[in-house]
Protein backbone atom coordinates (compact mmCIF):
# COMPACT_ATOMS: atom_id res chain seq x y z
CA MET A 1 -65.61 -5.54 12.97
CA THR A 2 -62.22 -3.41 11.54
CA ILE A 3 -62.18 -2.38 8.02
CA GLN A 4 -59.03 -3.35 5.82
CA GLU A 5 -57.98 -1.63 3.23
CA PRO A 6 -56.88 -2.68 -0.13
CA GLN A 7 -53.87 -4.34 -1.51
CA GLN A 8 -51.27 -2.06 -3.11
CA GLN A 9 -50.57 -3.64 -6.43
CA SER A 10 -46.78 -3.39 -5.83
CA LEU A 11 -44.98 -2.25 -9.18
CA PRO A 12 -41.70 -4.83 -10.03
CA VAL A 13 -38.72 -3.07 -9.41
CA ARG A 14 -36.87 -1.63 -12.48
CA THR A 15 -33.28 -2.73 -12.55
CA LYS A 16 -31.88 -3.91 -16.29
CA VAL A 17 -31.15 -2.12 -18.89
CA PHE A 18 -33.17 -3.03 -22.43
CA ILE A 19 -31.18 -2.87 -25.57
CA SER A 20 -33.75 -2.77 -28.16
CA TYR A 21 -32.19 -3.29 -31.75
CA SER A 22 -33.28 -4.43 -35.09
CA HIS A 23 -32.05 -8.23 -35.89
CA VAL A 24 -29.92 -6.76 -39.12
CA HIS A 25 -27.64 -5.52 -36.44
CA LYS A 26 -26.96 -7.99 -34.50
CA LYS A 27 -23.85 -9.51 -35.23
CA LYS A 28 -22.03 -6.22 -36.22
CA TRP A 29 -23.53 -3.29 -32.72
CA LEU A 30 -25.04 -4.67 -30.02
CA GLN A 31 -22.51 -6.95 -29.92
CA ARG A 32 -20.28 -4.36 -29.60
CA LEU A 33 -21.84 -2.75 -27.03
CA LYS A 34 -22.91 -5.74 -24.92
CA MET A 35 -18.77 -6.02 -24.72
CA TYR A 36 -18.56 -2.43 -23.12
CA LEU A 37 -22.00 -3.13 -20.46
CA GLU A 38 -19.94 -6.97 -19.42
CA PRO A 39 -18.27 -6.16 -17.40
CA LEU A 40 -20.46 -3.52 -15.65
CA GLY A 41 -22.99 -7.54 -15.37
CA GLN A 42 -19.64 -8.79 -13.83
CA GLU A 43 -19.70 -6.99 -11.34
CA ASN A 44 -23.70 -7.05 -11.03
CA ILE A 45 -24.58 -3.58 -10.65
CA ILE A 46 -26.70 -3.47 -13.66
CA ASP A 47 -28.33 -6.92 -15.45
CA VAL A 48 -28.22 -6.15 -19.04
CA TRP A 49 -31.37 -7.89 -20.98
CA ASP A 50 -31.64 -8.26 -24.96
CA ASP A 51 -33.60 -10.68 -27.33
CA THR A 52 -30.72 -12.90 -27.38
CA GLN A 53 -31.56 -14.49 -23.77
CA ILE A 54 -35.06 -16.23 -24.56
CA GLY A 55 -34.84 -20.34 -25.01
CA VAL A 56 -35.78 -22.06 -26.78
CA GLY A 57 -39.33 -23.18 -26.42
CA ALA A 58 -39.64 -20.43 -24.19
CA LYS A 59 -43.35 -17.47 -25.09
CA TRP A 60 -40.52 -14.58 -26.80
CA ARG A 61 -43.61 -12.34 -26.61
CA GLU A 62 -44.39 -12.51 -22.65
CA GLU A 63 -39.99 -12.61 -21.51
CA ILE A 64 -40.05 -9.78 -23.85
CA GLU A 65 -43.40 -7.56 -21.47
CA LYS A 66 -41.55 -8.90 -18.60
CA ALA A 67 -38.29 -7.64 -19.22
CA LEU A 68 -39.99 -3.64 -20.88
CA ALA A 69 -41.74 -3.61 -17.47
CA THR A 70 -38.45 -4.47 -15.33
CA THR A 71 -36.97 -2.00 -17.23
CA LYS A 72 -34.25 0.50 -15.81
CA ILE A 73 -32.38 2.01 -19.22
CA ALA A 74 -33.23 1.51 -22.19
CA ILE A 75 -30.45 1.62 -24.57
CA LEU A 76 -31.99 2.23 -29.01
CA LEU A 77 -30.25 0.91 -31.45
CA VAL A 78 -31.67 3.22 -33.73
CA SER A 79 -31.60 2.74 -37.43
CA ALA A 80 -33.63 2.52 -40.66
CA GLU A 81 -34.31 -0.67 -39.41
CA PHE A 82 -35.08 -0.40 -36.42
CA VAL A 83 -37.95 2.85 -37.66
CA ASN A 84 -38.73 0.39 -40.57
CA SER A 85 -39.31 -2.33 -36.84
CA LYS A 86 -43.90 -2.60 -36.92
CA PHE A 87 -42.82 -5.03 -33.54
CA ILE A 88 -40.35 -1.88 -32.17
CA ARG A 89 -42.53 0.03 -32.67
CA GLU A 90 -46.01 -0.81 -31.88
CA ASN A 91 -44.35 -3.63 -28.77
CA GLU A 92 -41.13 -2.22 -27.56
CA LEU A 93 -41.48 2.00 -27.26
CA PRO A 94 -44.94 2.16 -26.34
CA PRO A 95 -44.22 1.19 -22.91
CA LEU A 96 -40.68 2.28 -22.79
CA LEU A 97 -41.85 5.88 -23.56
CA GLU A 98 -45.15 5.14 -21.54
CA ALA A 99 -42.67 4.14 -18.04
CA ALA A 100 -39.64 6.82 -19.19
CA ARG A 101 -43.10 9.56 -18.66
CA ASN A 102 -44.03 7.39 -15.16
CA ASP A 103 -41.72 5.92 -13.70
CA GLY A 104 -38.21 7.61 -14.18
CA LEU A 105 -37.06 5.28 -16.90
CA ILE A 106 -33.76 6.29 -19.12
CA ILE A 107 -34.05 6.11 -22.70
CA ILE A 108 -30.81 6.40 -24.91
CA PRO A 109 -30.93 6.26 -28.03
CA VAL A 110 -27.62 5.60 -30.13
CA ILE A 111 -27.76 6.08 -33.36
CA VAL A 112 -27.06 3.26 -36.29
CA ASN A 113 -27.66 5.11 -39.28
CA PRO A 114 -29.20 8.28 -40.50
CA CYS A 115 -33.00 7.34 -40.03
CA ARG A 116 -36.44 9.06 -39.44
CA LEU A 117 -36.45 9.70 -36.26
CA GLU A 118 -39.47 11.53 -36.57
CA TYR A 119 -41.44 8.17 -36.75
CA MET A 120 -40.58 6.90 -33.67
CA ASN A 121 -40.74 9.85 -30.77
CA LEU A 122 -37.83 10.03 -30.49
CA GLY A 123 -37.38 13.41 -31.44
CA GLU A 124 -37.61 14.65 -28.32
CA LEU A 125 -35.28 12.62 -26.56
CA GLN A 126 -31.66 13.51 -27.01
CA ALA A 127 -29.07 11.06 -28.23
CA LEU A 128 -25.49 9.89 -26.99
CA ASN A 129 -24.82 10.87 -30.62
CA PRO A 130 -26.09 12.81 -32.75
CA PRO A 131 -27.52 11.83 -36.17
CA SER A 132 -25.47 13.58 -38.00
CA ARG A 133 -22.59 11.72 -36.00
CA SER A 134 -24.23 8.25 -36.28
CA LEU A 135 -22.19 4.96 -35.87
CA LEU A 136 -21.49 3.89 -39.41
CA THR A 137 -19.16 7.48 -40.05
CA MET A 138 -17.08 7.02 -37.29
CA ARG A 139 -13.95 5.31 -37.14
CA GLU A 140 -13.09 1.98 -34.26
CA ILE A 141 -11.95 4.72 -31.93
CA GLN A 142 -15.05 6.59 -32.08
CA TRP A 143 -17.29 4.43 -31.25
CA ARG A 144 -15.54 2.84 -29.50
CA GLU A 145 -14.87 5.44 -27.06
CA LEU A 146 -18.96 5.92 -27.75
CA PHE A 147 -19.41 3.24 -25.73
CA LEU A 148 -16.55 3.09 -22.80
CA ASN A 149 -18.30 6.83 -22.07
CA LEU A 150 -22.18 5.07 -22.19
CA SER A 151 -21.00 2.19 -19.97
CA TYR A 152 -19.55 5.19 -17.74
CA SER A 153 -22.72 7.05 -17.92
CA ILE A 154 -25.11 3.57 -16.75
CA GLU A 155 -23.10 2.93 -13.60
CA LYS A 156 -22.94 6.95 -12.69
CA THR A 157 -27.09 6.80 -13.56
CA ILE A 158 -27.63 2.99 -11.12
CA LYS A 159 -25.58 3.67 -8.77
CA SER A 160 -27.17 7.44 -7.96
CA ASN A 161 -30.28 5.89 -7.59
């Protein structure tokens, strides 16, 4: 008789770039950010995911949970509206912060407008831009350069892993 070792449950492979945002910023900042990440997606370097990809009839909460479980990099479009979102605070941030502690997930806060970061447990994370230089205070060329540099940084991070 042979003793079989217990089968290890394999963890999902983390490949996604997950974008968390307040729906108030969907048309302006989400679309602008995705424009700079799209070339990386077209080259299959990253798989960008946000909730606009949830299909009609899909179980949206399950879709978000699946995406969170396979996220390698999370971009948070942080604003007063983001901070005030109970759903983000209770459903998206806890698994992201846990994966950052335990699985090497990278969280990149992008400050959209001035807000109370300490209520989201994000104060210890280095934001892409300082709270004093929110996207709303930037000229167009400045936020475009910021998003371009972010896309280069994400590509470098993905390729080095």
